[in-house]
Amino acid sequence: MPKTRPLPETGSIHLDARGGDRALRISWHQEAGVVVLSLWRDNVCTGSFRLDVDEVPEVIAVLRAGLDQAYDRALARRKAGLGEVG
């Protein structure tokens, strides 16, 4: 089995919300002008996607919009729950 390669200087690992040994690795490869998104299970890469650096802002915008909506809904639920107490 091949050894896991260390992340480049700029990168991160995010564990899957379902638990287990699944993870997403994000690594910048400045020399190639890409960000690599790779899916890992245990210490084995099961798939990867190379995203051109010029496409990253659009991906960030989509994630930001989803985060804003999720946050607004969570805040509204929290306020509604607080309003019922009393």
C-alpha atoms as a PDB file:
ATOM      1  CA  MET A   1       0.000   0.000   0.000  1.00  0.00           C
ATOM      2  CA  PRO A   2       1.480   3.417  -0.918  1.00  0.00           C
ATOM      3  CA  LYS A   3       2.332   5.768   1.898  1.00  0.00           C
ATOM      4  CA  THR A   4       0.272   8.907   2.457  1.00  0.00           C
ATOM      5  CA  ARG A   5       2.029  11.948   1.051  1.00  0.00           C
ATOM      6  CA  PRO A   6       2.328  14.952   3.333  1.00  0.00           C
ATOM      7  CA  LEU A   7       0.239  18.015   2.506  1.00  0.00           C
ATOM      8  CA  PRO A   8       1.958  20.891   0.724  1.00  0.00           C
ATOM      9  CA  GLU A   9       2.597  24.037   2.788  1.00  0.00           C
ATOM     10  CA  THR A  10      -0.893  25.310   1.996  1.00  0.00           C
ATOM     11  CA  GLY A  11      -3.520  22.668   2.583  1.00  0.00           C
ATOM     12  CA  SER A  12      -5.949  21.173   5.052  1.00  0.00           C
ATOM     13  CA  ILE A  13      -7.741  17.993   6.023  1.00  0.00           C
ATOM     14  CA  HIS A  14     -11.463  17.857   6.830  1.00  0.00           C
ATOM     15  CA  LEU A  15     -13.137  14.828   8.405  1.00  0.00           C
ATOM     16  CA  ASP A  16     -16.396  13.535   6.934  1.00  0.00           C
ATOM     17  CA  ALA A  17     -19.517  14.400   8.959  1.00  0.00           C
ATOM     18  CA  ARG A  18     -20.615  10.747   8.750  1.00  0.00           C
ATOM     19  CA  GLY A  19     -17.611   9.718  10.786  1.00  0.00           C
ATOM     20  CA  GLY A  20     -15.511   6.718   9.992  1.00  0.00           C
ATOM     21  CA  ASP A  21     -12.168   7.124   8.355  1.00  0.00           C
ATOM     22  CA  ARG A  22     -13.289   9.383   5.496  1.00  0.00           C
ATOM     23  CA  ALA A  23     -11.627  12.728   4.857  1.00  0.00           C
ATOM     24  CA  LEU A  24     -11.289  15.489   2.288  1.00  0.00           C
ATOM     25  CA  ARG A  25      -7.825  16.865   1.672  1.00  0.00           C
ATOM     26  CA  ILE A  26      -7.393  20.249   0.042  1.00  0.00           C
ATOM     27  CA  SER A  27      -3.949  21.073  -1.264  1.00  0.00           C
ATOM     28  CA  TRP A  28      -2.680  24.024  -3.250  1.00  0.00           C
ATOM     29  CA  HIS A  29      -0.178  23.363  -6.016  1.00  0.00           C
ATOM     30  CA  GLN A  30       1.002  26.821  -6.999  1.00  0.00           C
ATOM     31  CA  GLU A  31       3.497  25.481  -9.536  1.00  0.00           C
ATOM     32  CA  ALA A  32       0.678  23.788 -11.488  1.00  0.00           C
ATOM     33  CA  GLY A  33      -1.945  26.504 -10.930  1.00  0.00           C
ATOM     34  CA  VAL A  34      -4.419  24.088  -9.349  1.00  0.00           C
ATOM     35  CA  VAL A  35      -6.059  23.153  -6.085  1.00  0.00           C
ATOM     36  CA  VAL A  36      -6.408  19.415  -5.577  1.00  0.00           C
ATOM     37  CA  LEU A  37      -9.449  18.100  -3.705  1.00  0.00           C
ATOM     38  CA  SER A  38      -8.885  14.486  -2.760  1.00  0.00           C
ATOM     39  CA  LEU A  39     -11.085  11.960  -0.993  1.00  0.00           C
ATOM     40  CA  TRP A  40      -9.433   9.647   1.489  1.00  0.00           C
ATOM     41  CA  ARG A  41     -10.511   6.499   3.292  1.00  0.00           C
ATOM     42  CA  ASP A  42      -8.131   5.425   6.005  1.00  0.00           C
ATOM     43  CA  ASN A  43      -4.772   6.333   4.453  1.00  0.00           C
ATOM     44  CA  VAL A  44      -5.774   5.608   0.860  1.00  0.00           C
ATOM     45  CA  CYS A  45      -6.717   8.248  -1.708  1.00  0.00           C
ATOM     46  CA  THR A  46      -9.931   7.057  -3.362  1.00  0.00           C
ATOM     47  CA  GLY A  47     -10.375   9.944  -5.790  1.00  0.00           C
ATOM     48  CA  SER A  48      -9.160  13.404  -6.650  1.00  0.00           C
ATOM     49  CA  PHE A  49     -10.230  16.518  -8.536  1.00  0.00           C
ATOM     50  CA  ARG A  50      -7.904  19.188  -9.909  1.00  0.00           C
ATOM     51  CA  LEU A  51      -9.548  22.620  -9.832  1.00  0.00           C
ATOM     52  CA  ASP A  52      -7.930  25.398 -11.863  1.00  0.00           C
ATOM     53  CA  VAL A  53      -6.969  28.292  -9.624  1.00  0.00           C
ATOM     54  CA  ASP A  54      -9.130  30.705 -11.645  1.00  0.00           C
ATOM     55  CA  GLU A  55     -12.224  28.642 -10.730  1.00  0.00           C
ATOM     56  CA  VAL A  56     -11.597  28.796  -6.967  1.00  0.00           C
ATOM     57  CA  PRO A  57     -13.393  32.153  -6.394  1.00  0.00           C
ATOM     58  CA  GLU A  58     -16.635  30.743  -7.841  1.00  0.00           C
ATOM     59  CA  VAL A  59     -16.422  27.665  -5.605  1.00  0.00           C
ATOM     60  CA  ILE A  60     -15.796  29.893  -2.593  1.00  0.00           C
ATOM     61  CA  ALA A  61     -18.798  32.068  -3.548  1.00  0.00           C
ATOM     62  CA  VAL A  62     -21.067  28.994  -3.712  1.00  0.00           C
ATOM     63  CA  LEU A  63     -19.830  27.752  -0.322  1.00  0.00           C
ATOM     64  CA  ARG A  64     -20.249  31.237   1.169  1.00  0.00           C
ATOM     65  CA  ALA A  65     -23.811  31.571  -0.136  1.00  0.00           C
ATOM     66  CA  GLY A  66     -24.728  28.176   1.305  1.00  0.00           C
ATOM     67  CA  LEU A  67     -23.112  29.055   4.626  1.00  0.00           C
ATOM     68  CA  ASP A  68     -24.990  32.364   4.785  1.00  0.00           C
ATOM     69  CA  GLN A  69     -28.323  30.586   4.199  1.00  0.00           C
ATOM     70  CA  ALA A  70     -27.554  27.863   6.739  1.00  0.00           C
ATOM     71  CA  TYR A  71     -26.520  30.440   9.322  1.00  0.00           C
ATOM     72  CA  ASP A  72     -29.626  32.569   8.729  1.00  0.00           C
ATOM     73  CA  ARG A  73     -31.886  29.503   9.152  1.00  0.00           C
ATOM     74  CA  ALA A  74     -30.086  28.385  12.318  1.00  0.00           C
ATOM     75  CA  LEU A  75     -30.354  31.895  13.765  1.00  0.00           C
ATOM     76  CA  ALA A  76     -34.080  32.073  12.933  1.00  0.00           C
ATOM     77  CA  ARG A  77     -34.676  28.671  14.599  1.00  0.00           C
ATOM     78  CA  ARG A  78     -32.727  29.769  17.656  1.00  0.00           C
ATOM     79  CA  LYS A  79     -34.717  33.015  17.909  1.00  0.00           C
ATOM     80  CA  ALA A  80     -37.999  31.133  17.464  1.00  0.00           C
ATOM     81  CA  GLY A  81     -37.011  28.713  20.203  1.00  0.00           C
ATOM     82  CA  LEU A  82     -36.031  31.531  22.539  1.00  0.00           C
ATOM     83  CA  GLY A  83     -39.316  33.310  21.865  1.00  0.00           C
ATOM     84  CA  GLU A  84     -41.284  30.270  23.068  1.00  0.00           C
ATOM     85  CA  VAL A  85     -39.515  30.116  26.410  1.00  0.00           C
ATOM     86  CA  GLY A  86     -40.924  32.302  29.087  1.00  0.00           C
END
